[in-house]
């Protein structure tokens, strides 16, 4: 049963290998709590109370965070929905199970002044690595792409004539993201330098993002991308996190603060649910709240 479900989410639902692995581990641990191997799983031997006991054990004995337990329960609920839909069970015992409450932290983002600073620092450099690194920052900031989406870009995905990029998101879902004239110029400049580098080294490489070593040219990896972003943004920002995902948050927050419609931001980010995008409205409201408390004389706390 479990293997059929894992095959289903991997092949038909096209979940990422990382998600499939997480579901595999969660369901294996769930079975082991009841003393079974995954092949011996029998839903007829479990009821709603068993699920509750498993959750209590995760929280109190294994000291999992509420967020972690919520994720594991989400996996189990998906599994039981699959069993019900395929006729392997007549009742979904997870349907009435409530997930533990979690505090959802607001996304952090870079200030617009910091983004201006990082653009100026590397604006006039003509070194290949510097141009590439500056372009990475600007593409993440100006498109809101995830790091995996960025690293897997090809030249065919980028249409500088039409001013747009084709992005393949989660489950290979395609979306089109527009880009501005300045970013188009940066992309074309990087492509020119890359062509020169390939010609000079007499090599052939089918990748948009390229890194050079003493031996050969290679495709840039996600870890190297993360290192580049952390290094450059660390020069201008005092935030604790300097990841590519913070630039994605920055893109969404900047768009919202400058009047973009929430539905437009949802489309550009590739969010399946509007609820995922609405977290940025809370971020913006928190900014407004802090400005109000610091500026309005009646809102200030008396010393």
C-alpha atoms as a PDB file:
ATOM      1  CA  UNK A   1       0.000   0.000   0.000  1.00  0.00           C
ATOM      2  CA  UNK A   2       2.668   2.462   1.046  1.00  0.00           C
ATOM      3  CA  UNK A   3       4.852   1.794  -1.982  1.00  0.00           C
ATOM      4  CA  UNK A   4       1.874   2.283  -4.307  1.00  0.00           C
ATOM      5  CA  UNK A   5       1.234   5.663  -2.676  1.00  0.00           C
ATOM      6  CA  UNK A   6       4.885   6.700  -3.020  1.00  0.00           C
ATOM      7  CA  UNK A   7       4.862   5.683  -6.692  1.00  0.00           C
ATOM      8  CA  UNK A   8       1.668   7.694  -7.160  1.00  0.00           C
ATOM      9  CA  UNK A   9       3.049  10.940  -5.738  1.00  0.00           C
ATOM     10  CA  UNK A  10       6.345  10.508  -7.591  1.00  0.00           C
ATOM     11  CA  UNK A  11       4.967   9.591 -11.028  1.00  0.00           C
ATOM     12  CA  UNK A  12       1.425  10.952 -11.281  1.00  0.00           C
ATOM     13  CA  UNK A  13       1.600  13.916  -8.896  1.00  0.00           C
ATOM     14  CA  UNK A  14       5.220  14.628  -9.872  1.00  0.00           C
ATOM     15  CA  UNK A  15       6.382  15.472  -6.381  1.00  0.00           C
ATOM     16  CA  UNK A  16      10.082  16.299  -6.104  1.00  0.00           C
ATOM     17  CA  UNK A  17      12.507  13.512  -5.083  1.00  0.00           C
ATOM     18  CA  UNK A  18      13.148  15.416  -1.841  1.00  0.00           C
ATOM     19  CA  UNK A  19       9.427  15.418  -0.967  1.00  0.00           C
ATOM     20  CA  UNK A  20       9.029  11.738  -1.857  1.00  0.00           C
ATOM     21  CA  UNK A  21      11.971  10.894   0.402  1.00  0.00           C
ATOM     22  CA  UNK A  22      10.437  12.892   3.259  1.00  0.00           C
ATOM     23  CA  UNK A  23       7.100  11.075   2.827  1.00  0.00           C
ATOM     24  CA  UNK A  24       8.935   7.731   2.739  1.00  0.00           C
ATOM     25  CA  UNK A  25      10.707   8.445   6.018  1.00  0.00           C
ATOM     26  CA  UNK A  26       7.546   9.762   7.688  1.00  0.00           C
ATOM     27  CA  UNK A  27       5.481   6.701   6.771  1.00  0.00           C
ATOM     28  CA  UNK A  28       8.290   4.340   7.761  1.00  0.00           C
ATOM     29  CA  UNK A  29       8.562   5.992  11.182  1.00  0.00           C
ATOM     30  CA  UNK A  30       4.773   5.906  11.548  1.00  0.00           C
ATOM     31  CA  UNK A  31       4.740   2.137  10.957  1.00  0.00           C
ATOM     32  CA  UNK A  32       7.629   1.553  13.348  1.00  0.00           C
ATOM     33  CA  UNK A  33       5.727   3.308  16.128  1.00  0.00           C
ATOM     34  CA  UNK A  34       3.243   0.424  15.926  1.00  0.00           C
ATOM     35  CA  UNK A  35       5.991  -2.184  15.567  1.00  0.00           C
ATOM     36  CA  UNK A  36       5.516  -2.849  11.843  1.00  0.00           C
ATOM     37  CA  UNK A  37       7.662  -2.740   8.756  1.00  0.00           C
ATOM     38  CA  UNK A  38       6.127  -0.709   5.933  1.00  0.00           C
ATOM     39  CA  UNK A  39       5.218  -3.882   3.999  1.00  0.00           C
ATOM     40  CA  UNK A  40       3.115  -5.072   6.956  1.00  0.00           C
ATOM     41  CA  UNK A  41       1.026  -1.896   7.257  1.00  0.00           C
ATOM     42  CA  UNK A  42      -2.652  -2.715   7.800  1.00  0.00           C
ATOM     43  CA  UNK A  43      -5.052   0.265   8.087  1.00  0.00           C
ATOM     44  CA  UNK A  44      -7.809  -1.977   9.474  1.00  0.00           C
ATOM     45  CA  UNK A  45      -5.837  -2.391  12.695  1.00  0.00           C
ATOM     46  CA  UNK A  46      -5.772   1.344  13.460  1.00  0.00           C
ATOM     47  CA  UNK A  47      -8.351   3.857  14.640  1.00  0.00           C
ATOM     48  CA  UNK A  48      -8.493   7.562  15.411  1.00  0.00           C
ATOM     49  CA  UNK A  49      -7.106   7.108  18.931  1.00  0.00           C
ATOM     50  CA  UNK A  50      -4.015   5.374  17.559  1.00  0.00           C
ATOM     51  CA  UNK A  51      -3.272   8.427  15.415  1.00  0.00           C
ATOM     52  CA  UNK A  52      -3.641  10.677  18.457  1.00  0.00           C
ATOM     53  CA  UNK A  53      -1.294   8.483  20.518  1.00  0.00           C
ATOM     54  CA  UNK A  54       1.277   8.660  17.716  1.00  0.00           C
ATOM     55  CA  UNK A  55       1.056  12.472  17.683  1.00  0.00           C
ATOM     56  CA  UNK A  56       1.412  12.669  21.475  1.00  0.00           C
ATOM     57  CA  UNK A  57       4.510  10.475  21.284  1.00  0.00           C
ATOM     58  CA  UNK A  58       6.021  12.736  18.612  1.00  0.00           C
ATOM     59  CA  UNK A  59       5.427  15.831  20.737  1.00  0.00           C
ATOM     60  CA  UNK A  60       6.116  14.620  24.265  1.00  0.00           C
ATOM     61  CA  UNK A  61       8.500  11.678  23.923  1.00  0.00           C
ATOM     62  CA  UNK A  62      10.406  12.446  20.734  1.00  0.00           C
ATOM     63  CA  UNK A  63      10.250  16.232  21.322  1.00  0.00           C
ATOM     64  CA  UNK A  64       9.288  17.080  17.746  1.00  0.00           C
ATOM     65  CA  UNK A  65       8.216  20.669  17.205  1.00  0.00           C
ATOM     66  CA  UNK A  66       4.531  21.361  16.430  1.00  0.00           C
ATOM     67  CA  UNK A  67       5.602  22.395  12.939  1.00  0.00           C
ATOM     68  CA  UNK A  68       7.332  19.051  12.381  1.00  0.00           C
ATOM     69  CA  UNK A  69       4.335  17.089  13.692  1.00  0.00           C
ATOM     70  CA  UNK A  70       2.024  19.106  11.453  1.00  0.00           C
ATOM     71  CA  UNK A  71       4.144  18.166   8.434  1.00  0.00           C
ATOM     72  CA  UNK A  72       4.136  14.466   9.356  1.00  0.00           C
ATOM     73  CA  UNK A  73       0.366  14.516   9.883  1.00  0.00           C
ATOM     74  CA  UNK A  74      -0.066  16.186   6.487  1.00  0.00           C
ATOM     75  CA  UNK A  75       1.817  13.262   4.949  1.00  0.00           C
ATOM     76  CA  UNK A  76      -0.389  10.746   6.752  1.00  0.00           C
ATOM     77  CA  UNK A  77      -3.589  12.544   5.731  1.00  0.00           C
ATOM     78  CA  UNK A  78      -2.478  12.481   2.072  1.00  0.00           C
ATOM     79  CA  UNK A  79      -1.775   8.760   2.381  1.00  0.00           C
ATOM     80  CA  UNK A  80      -5.202   8.013   3.851  1.00  0.00           C
ATOM     81  CA  UNK A  81      -6.941  10.101   1.190  1.00  0.00           C
ATOM     82  CA  UNK A  82      -5.155   7.972  -1.399  1.00  0.00           C
ATOM     83  CA  UNK A  83      -6.294   4.762   0.337  1.00  0.00           C
ATOM     84  CA  UNK A  84      -9.888   6.000   0.452  1.00  0.00           C
ATOM     85  CA  UNK A  85      -9.879   7.100  -3.189  1.00  0.00           C
ATOM     86  CA  UNK A  86      -8.452   3.767  -4.363  1.00  0.00           C
ATOM     87  CA  UNK A  87     -11.003   1.782  -2.339  1.00  0.00           C
ATOM     88  CA  UNK A  88      -8.510   0.220   0.076  1.00  0.00           C
ATOM     89  CA  UNK A  89     -10.330   1.689   3.103  1.00  0.00           C
ATOM     90  CA  UNK A  90     -13.957   2.700   3.690  1.00  0.00           C
ATOM     91  CA  UNK A  91     -13.284   5.444   6.247  1.00  0.00           C
ATOM     92  CA  UNK A  92     -10.532   8.057   6.603  1.00  0.00           C
ATOM     93  CA  UNK A  93      -9.620   8.018  10.307  1.00  0.00           C
ATOM     94  CA  UNK A  94      -7.335  11.065   9.896  1.00  0.00           C
ATOM     95  CA  UNK A  95     -10.139  13.345   8.660  1.00  0.00           C
ATOM     96  CA  UNK A  96     -11.106  14.679  12.100  1.00  0.00           C
ATOM     97  CA  UNK A  97      -7.543  14.835  13.471  1.00  0.00           C
ATOM     98  CA  UNK A  98      -6.544  18.459  14.114  1.00  0.00           C
ATOM     99  CA  UNK A  99      -2.967  19.547  13.533  1.00  0.00           C
ATOM    100  CA  UNK A 100      -1.079  21.161  16.433  1.00  0.00           C
ATOM    101  CA  UNK A 101      -1.054  24.940  16.341  1.00  0.00           C
ATOM    102  CA  UNK A 102       2.117  26.564  15.097  1.00  0.00           C
ATOM    103  CA  UNK A 103       3.336  30.134  15.072  1.00  0.00           C
ATOM    104  CA  UNK A 104       3.998  31.167  11.506  1.00  0.00           C
ATOM    105  CA  UNK A 105       6.946  33.569  11.415  1.00  0.00           C
ATOM    106  CA  UNK A 106       6.717  36.489   9.031  1.00  0.00           C
ATOM    107  CA  UNK A 107       9.169  36.309   6.113  1.00  0.00           C
ATOM    108  CA  UNK A 108      12.289  38.434   6.415  1.00  0.00           C
ATOM    109  CA  UNK A 109      13.388  40.597   3.501  1.00  0.00           C
ATOM    110  CA  UNK A 110      16.128  42.985   2.452  1.00  0.00           C
ATOM    111  CA  UNK A 111      15.507  46.722   2.404  1.00  0.00           C
ATOM    112  CA  UNK A 112      15.253  48.468  -0.957  1.00  0.00           C
ATOM    113  CA  UNK A 113      18.244  50.606   0.056  1.00  0.00           C
ATOM    114  CA  UNK A 114      20.295  47.429   0.585  1.00  0.00           C
ATOM    115  CA  UNK A 115      19.321  46.163  -2.864  1.00  0.00           C
ATOM    116  CA  UNK A 116      20.453  49.488  -4.336  1.00  0.00           C
ATOM    117  CA  UNK A 117      23.755  49.168  -2.475  1.00  0.00           C
ATOM    118  CA  UNK A 118      24.528  45.676  -3.715  1.00  0.00           C
ATOM    119  CA  UNK A 119      23.691  46.743  -7.286  1.00  0.00           C
ATOM    120  CA  UNK A 120      26.131  49.680  -7.083  1.00  0.00           C
ATOM    121  CA  UNK A 121      28.983  47.664  -5.575  1.00  0.00           C
ATOM    122  CA  UNK A 122      29.137  45.277  -8.523  1.00  0.00           C
ATOM    123  CA  UNK A 123      27.652  47.434 -11.286  1.00  0.00           C
ATOM    124  CA  UNK A 124      30.820  48.402 -13.176  1.00  0.00           C
ATOM    125  CA  UNK A 125      32.910  45.235 -12.889  1.00  0.00           C
ATOM    126  CA  UNK A 126      33.747  43.377 -16.111  1.00  0.00           C
ATOM    127  CA  UNK A 127      35.177  40.227 -14.572  1.00  0.00           C
ATOM    128  CA  UNK A 128      33.161  37.129 -15.555  1.00  0.00           C
ATOM    129  CA  UNK A 129      32.564  35.858 -12.005  1.00  0.00           C
ATOM    130  CA  UNK A 130      31.589  39.319 -10.745  1.00  0.00           C
ATOM    131  CA  UNK A 131      29.161  39.900 -13.618  1.00  0.00           C
ATOM    132  CA  UNK A 132      27.615  36.452 -13.129  1.00  0.00           C
ATOM    133  CA  UNK A 133      27.252  36.919  -9.376  1.00  0.00           C
ATOM    134  CA  UNK A 134      25.670  40.353  -9.736  1.00  0.00           C
ATOM    135  CA  UNK A 135      23.244  38.936 -12.316  1.00  0.00           C
ATOM    136  CA  UNK A 136      22.248  36.123  -9.936  1.00  0.00           C
ATOM    137  CA  UNK A 137      21.301  38.671  -7.268  1.00  0.00           C
ATOM    138  CA  UNK A 138      19.315  40.793  -9.698  1.00  0.00           C
ATOM    139  CA  UNK A 139      17.478  37.868 -11.296  1.00  0.00           C
ATOM    140  CA  UNK A 140      16.400  36.533  -7.909  1.00  0.00           C
ATOM    141  CA  UNK A 141      15.358  40.010  -6.770  1.00  0.00           C
ATOM    142  CA  UNK A 142      13.577  41.035  -9.965  1.00  0.00           C
ATOM    143  CA  UNK A 143      11.790  37.761 -10.751  1.00  0.00           C
ATOM    144  CA  UNK A 144      11.132  36.129  -7.355  1.00  0.00           C
ATOM    145  CA  UNK A 145      12.372  32.763  -8.601  1.00  0.00           C
ATOM    146  CA  UNK A 146      13.222  29.924  -6.243  1.00  0.00           C
ATOM    147  CA  UNK A 147      16.892  28.956  -6.203  1.00  0.00           C
ATOM    148  CA  UNK A 148      16.182  25.595  -7.921  1.00  0.00           C
ATOM    149  CA  UNK A 149      14.220  27.407 -10.633  1.00  0.00           C
ATOM    150  CA  UNK A 150      17.082  29.818 -11.192  1.00  0.00           C
ATOM    151  CA  UNK A 151      19.848  27.213 -11.274  1.00  0.00           C
ATOM    152  CA  UNK A 152      17.973  25.104 -13.856  1.00  0.00           C
ATOM    153  CA  UNK A 153      17.443  27.942 -16.339  1.00  0.00           C
ATOM    154  CA  UNK A 154      18.577  27.396 -19.914  1.00  0.00           C
ATOM    155  CA  UNK A 155      19.217  29.914 -22.679  1.00  0.00           C
ATOM    156  CA  UNK A 156      16.005  28.734 -24.374  1.00  0.00           C
ATOM    157  CA  UNK A 157      13.995  29.788 -21.301  1.00  0.00           C
ATOM    158  CA  UNK A 158      15.144  33.411 -21.576  1.00  0.00           C
ATOM    159  CA  UNK A 159      13.590  35.575 -24.289  1.00  0.00           C
ATOM    160  CA  UNK A 160      15.344  38.944 -24.170  1.00  0.00           C
ATOM    161  CA  UNK A 161      13.516  40.141 -27.300  1.00  0.00           C
ATOM    162  CA  UNK A 162      10.098  39.730 -25.654  1.00  0.00           C
ATOM    163  CA  UNK A 163      11.427  40.582 -22.194  1.00  0.00           C
ATOM    164  CA  UNK A 164      10.334  37.424 -20.403  1.00  0.00           C
ATOM    165  CA  UNK A 165      11.610  34.243 -18.751  1.00  0.00           C
ATOM    166  CA  UNK A 166       9.947  30.837 -18.796  1.00  0.00           C
ATOM    167  CA  UNK A 167      10.190  29.296 -15.318  1.00  0.00           C
ATOM    168  CA  UNK A 168       9.538  25.682 -14.359  1.00  0.00           C
ATOM    169  CA  UNK A 169       8.385  25.531 -10.748  1.00  0.00           C
ATOM    170  CA  UNK A 170       7.270  22.774  -8.412  1.00  0.00           C
ATOM    171  CA  UNK A 171       5.956  19.666 -10.179  1.00  0.00           C
ATOM    172  CA  UNK A 172       7.320  21.172 -13.432  1.00  0.00           C
ATOM    173  CA  UNK A 173       4.528  23.755 -13.494  1.00  0.00           C
ATOM    174  CA  UNK A 174       5.373  26.423 -16.076  1.00  0.00           C
ATOM    175  CA  UNK A 175       4.920  30.178 -15.684  1.00  0.00           C
ATOM    176  CA  UNK A 176       6.101  33.263 -17.555  1.00  0.00           C
ATOM    177  CA  UNK A 177       7.818  36.075 -15.661  1.00  0.00           C
ATOM    178  CA  UNK A 178       8.400  39.477 -17.333  1.00  0.00           C
ATOM    179  CA  UNK A 179      11.753  41.249 -16.994  1.00  0.00           C
ATOM    180  CA  UNK A 180      12.820  44.874 -17.422  1.00  0.00           C
ATOM    181  CA  UNK A 181      15.220  46.505 -19.841  1.00  0.00           C
ATOM    182  CA  UNK A 182      18.095  46.865 -17.358  1.00  0.00           C
ATOM    183  CA  UNK A 183      17.979  43.170 -16.449  1.00  0.00           C
ATOM    184  CA  UNK A 184      17.859  42.253 -20.141  1.00  0.00           C
ATOM    185  CA  UNK A 185      21.083  44.224 -20.665  1.00  0.00           C
ATOM    186  CA  UNK A 186      22.729  42.422 -17.748  1.00  0.00           C
ATOM    187  CA  UNK A 187      21.696  39.032 -19.132  1.00  0.00           C
ATOM    188  CA  UNK A 188      23.018  39.797 -22.605  1.00  0.00           C
ATOM    189  CA  UNK A 189      26.297  41.138 -21.187  1.00  0.00           C
ATOM    190  CA  UNK A 190      26.746  37.952 -19.126  1.00  0.00           C
ATOM    191  CA  UNK A 191      25.986  35.781 -22.176  1.00  0.00           C
ATOM    192  CA  UNK A 192      28.613  37.673 -24.205  1.00  0.00           C
ATOM    193  CA  UNK A 193      31.265  37.138 -21.525  1.00  0.00           C
ATOM    194  CA  UNK A 194      30.292  33.475 -21.209  1.00  0.00           C
ATOM    195  CA  UNK A 195      30.635  32.936 -24.964  1.00  0.00           C
ATOM    196  CA  UNK A 196      34.096  34.559 -24.875  1.00  0.00           C
ATOM    197  CA  UNK A 197      35.124  32.342 -21.960  1.00  0.00           C
ATOM    198  CA  UNK A 198      33.933  29.163 -23.711  1.00  0.00           C
ATOM    199  CA  UNK A 199      35.743  30.162 -26.914  1.00  0.00           C
ATOM    200  CA  UNK A 200      38.976  30.976 -25.079  1.00  0.00           C
ATOM    201  CA  UNK A 201      38.985  27.635 -23.266  1.00  0.00           C
ATOM    202  CA  UNK A 202      37.880  25.652 -26.300  1.00  0.00           C
ATOM    203  CA  UNK A 203      35.207  23.802 -24.358  1.00  0.00           C
ATOM    204  CA  UNK A 204      31.544  23.049 -24.848  1.00  0.00           C
ATOM    205  CA  UNK A 205      29.013  23.270 -22.032  1.00  0.00           C
ATOM    206  CA  UNK A 206      25.207  23.237 -22.171  1.00  0.00           C
ATOM    207  CA  UNK A 207      24.325  25.361 -19.129  1.00  0.00           C
ATOM    208  CA  UNK A 208      23.225  28.928 -18.536  1.00  0.00           C
ATOM    209  CA  UNK A 209      25.071  29.349 -15.231  1.00  0.00           C
ATOM    210  CA  UNK A 210      28.746  28.477 -15.610  1.00  0.00           C
ATOM    211  CA  UNK A 211      31.662  28.350 -13.170  1.00  0.00           C
ATOM    212  CA  UNK A 212      35.278  28.065 -14.158  1.00  0.00           C
ATOM    213  CA  UNK A 213      37.971  25.945 -12.537  1.00  0.00           C
ATOM    214  CA  UNK A 214      41.591  25.352 -13.501  1.00  0.00           C
ATOM    215  CA  UNK A 215      40.660  22.137 -15.297  1.00  0.00           C
ATOM    216  CA  UNK A 216      37.319  22.845 -16.991  1.00  0.00           C
ATOM    217  CA  UNK A 217      34.021  24.717 -17.085  1.00  0.00           C
ATOM    218  CA  UNK A 218      31.169  23.284 -15.033  1.00  0.00           C
ATOM    219  CA  UNK A 219      27.541  24.026 -14.334  1.00  0.00           C
ATOM    220  CA  UNK A 220      26.976  26.103 -11.198  1.00  0.00           C
ATOM    221  CA  UNK A 221      25.520  24.087  -8.308  1.00  0.00           C
ATOM    222  CA  UNK A 222      22.786  25.108  -5.858  1.00  0.00           C
ATOM    223  CA  UNK A 223      25.286  25.165  -2.977  1.00  0.00           C
ATOM    224  CA  UNK A 224      27.573  27.496  -4.920  1.00  0.00           C
ATOM    225  CA  UNK A 225      24.594  29.699  -5.736  1.00  0.00           C
ATOM    226  CA  UNK A 226      23.757  29.891  -2.039  1.00  0.00           C
ATOM    227  CA  UNK A 227      27.376  30.830  -1.220  1.00  0.00           C
ATOM    228  CA  UNK A 228      27.351  33.625  -3.825  1.00  0.00           C
ATOM    229  CA  UNK A 229      24.132  35.143  -2.477  1.00  0.00           C
ATOM    230  CA  UNK A 230      25.248  34.879   1.140  1.00  0.00           C
ATOM    231  CA  UNK A 231      28.573  36.526   0.345  1.00  0.00           C
ATOM    232  CA  UNK A 232      27.206  39.462  -1.676  1.00  0.00           C
ATOM    233  CA  UNK A 233      24.193  40.215   0.522  1.00  0.00           C
ATOM    234  CA  UNK A 234      26.354  39.894   3.618  1.00  0.00           C
ATOM    235  CA  UNK A 235      28.259  42.959   2.427  1.00  0.00           C
ATOM    236  CA  UNK A 236      25.204  45.223   2.658  1.00  0.00           C
ATOM    237  CA  UNK A 237      22.734  43.621   5.067  1.00  0.00           C
ATOM    238  CA  UNK A 238      22.732  42.926   8.789  1.00  0.00           C
ATOM    239  CA  UNK A 239      20.019  40.259   8.519  1.00  0.00           C
ATOM    240  CA  UNK A 240      20.812  36.912  10.091  1.00  0.00           C
ATOM    241  CA  UNK A 241      19.767  35.111   6.888  1.00  0.00           C
ATOM    242  CA  UNK A 242      21.195  35.938   3.458  1.00  0.00           C
ATOM    243  CA  UNK A 243      19.693  33.096   1.422  1.00  0.00           C
ATOM    244  CA  UNK A 244      18.210  33.130  -2.115  1.00  0.00           C
ATOM    245  CA  UNK A 245      14.772  32.638  -0.521  1.00  0.00           C
ATOM    246  CA  UNK A 246      15.120  35.958   1.324  1.00  0.00           C
ATOM    247  CA  UNK A 247      15.493  37.593  -2.102  1.00  0.00           C
ATOM    248  CA  UNK A 248      12.255  35.865  -3.134  1.00  0.00           C
ATOM    249  CA  UNK A 249      10.588  37.373  -0.054  1.00  0.00           C
ATOM    250  CA  UNK A 250      12.130  40.727  -0.953  1.00  0.00           C
ATOM    251  CA  UNK A 251      10.702  40.577  -4.471  1.00  0.00           C
ATOM    252  CA  UNK A 252       7.182  39.898  -3.177  1.00  0.00           C
ATOM    253  CA  UNK A 253       7.339  42.530  -0.431  1.00  0.00           C
ATOM    254  CA  UNK A 254       8.737  45.166  -2.805  1.00  0.00           C
ATOM    255  CA  UNK A 255       6.004  44.456  -5.348  1.00  0.00           C
ATOM    256  CA  UNK A 256       3.282  44.711  -2.706  1.00  0.00           C
ATOM    257  CA  UNK A 257       4.698  47.885  -1.170  1.00  0.00           C
ATOM    258  CA  UNK A 258       4.737  49.514  -4.580  1.00  0.00           C
ATOM    259  CA  UNK A 259       1.104  48.790  -5.398  1.00  0.00           C
ATOM    260  CA  UNK A 260       1.090  45.383  -7.119  1.00  0.00           C
ATOM    261  CA  UNK A 261      -2.081  43.317  -6.879  1.00  0.00           C
ATOM    262  CA  UNK A 262      -1.855  40.253  -4.605  1.00  0.00           C
ATOM    263  CA  UNK A 263      -3.131  37.987  -7.412  1.00  0.00           C
ATOM    264  CA  UNK A 264      -0.380  39.242  -9.710  1.00  0.00           C
ATOM    265  CA  UNK A 265       2.242  38.456  -7.070  1.00  0.00           C
ATOM    266  CA  UNK A 266       0.732  34.983  -6.608  1.00  0.00           C
ATOM    267  CA  UNK A 267       1.082  34.330 -10.349  1.00  0.00           C
ATOM    268  CA  UNK A 268       4.653  35.628 -10.517  1.00  0.00           C
ATOM    269  CA  UNK A 269       5.738  33.556  -7.506  1.00  0.00           C
ATOM    270  CA  UNK A 270       4.044  30.420  -8.815  1.00  0.00           C
ATOM    271  CA  UNK A 271       2.002  29.878  -5.649  1.00  0.00           C
ATOM    272  CA  UNK A 272      -0.789  27.319  -6.063  1.00  0.00           C
ATOM    273  CA  UNK A 273      -2.733  28.872  -3.182  1.00  0.00           C
ATOM    274  CA  UNK A 274      -3.380  32.546  -2.474  1.00  0.00           C
ATOM    275  CA  UNK A 275      -2.895  31.793   1.231  1.00  0.00           C
ATOM    276  CA  UNK A 276       0.831  31.293   0.572  1.00  0.00           C
ATOM    277  CA  UNK A 277       1.049  34.784  -0.917  1.00  0.00           C
ATOM    278  CA  UNK A 278      -1.046  36.547   1.706  1.00  0.00           C
ATOM    279  CA  UNK A 279       1.719  36.211   4.291  1.00  0.00           C
ATOM    280  CA  UNK A 280       3.342  39.205   2.580  1.00  0.00           C
ATOM    281  CA  UNK A 281       0.319  41.369   3.369  1.00  0.00           C
ATOM    282  CA  UNK A 282       0.954  40.630   7.051  1.00  0.00           C
ATOM    283  CA  UNK A 283       4.570  41.689   6.608  1.00  0.00           C
ATOM    284  CA  UNK A 284       3.499  44.961   5.038  1.00  0.00           C
ATOM    285  CA  UNK A 285       0.929  45.598   7.761  1.00  0.00           C
ATOM    286  CA  UNK A 286       3.615  45.049  10.397  1.00  0.00           C
ATOM    287  CA  UNK A 287       5.692  47.758   8.704  1.00  0.00           C
ATOM    288  CA  UNK A 288       2.701  50.115   8.735  1.00  0.00           C
ATOM    289  CA  UNK A 289       2.048  49.315  12.384  1.00  0.00           C
ATOM    290  CA  UNK A 290       5.627  50.066  13.418  1.00  0.00           C
ATOM    291  CA  UNK A 291       5.619  53.327  11.457  1.00  0.00           C
ATOM    292  CA  UNK A 292       2.358  54.340  13.126  1.00  0.00           C
ATOM    293  CA  UNK A 293       3.600  53.521  16.628  1.00  0.00           C
ATOM    294  CA  UNK A 294       6.799  55.486  16.121  1.00  0.00           C
ATOM    295  CA  UNK A 295       5.236  58.487  14.341  1.00  0.00           C
ATOM    296  CA  UNK A 296       1.863  59.212  15.939  1.00  0.00           C
ATOM    297  CA  UNK A 297       2.175  61.153  19.219  1.00  0.00           C
ATOM    298  CA  UNK A 298      -0.844  59.452  20.787  1.00  0.00           C
ATOM    299  CA  UNK A 299       0.447  55.992  19.883  1.00  0.00           C
ATOM    300  CA  UNK A 300       3.829  56.450  21.590  1.00  0.00           C
ATOM    301  CA  UNK A 301       4.299  54.796  24.916  1.00  0.00           C
ATOM    302  CA  UNK A 302       4.889  57.302  27.690  1.00  0.00           C
ATOM    303  CA  UNK A 303       8.182  57.044  29.492  1.00  0.00           C
END
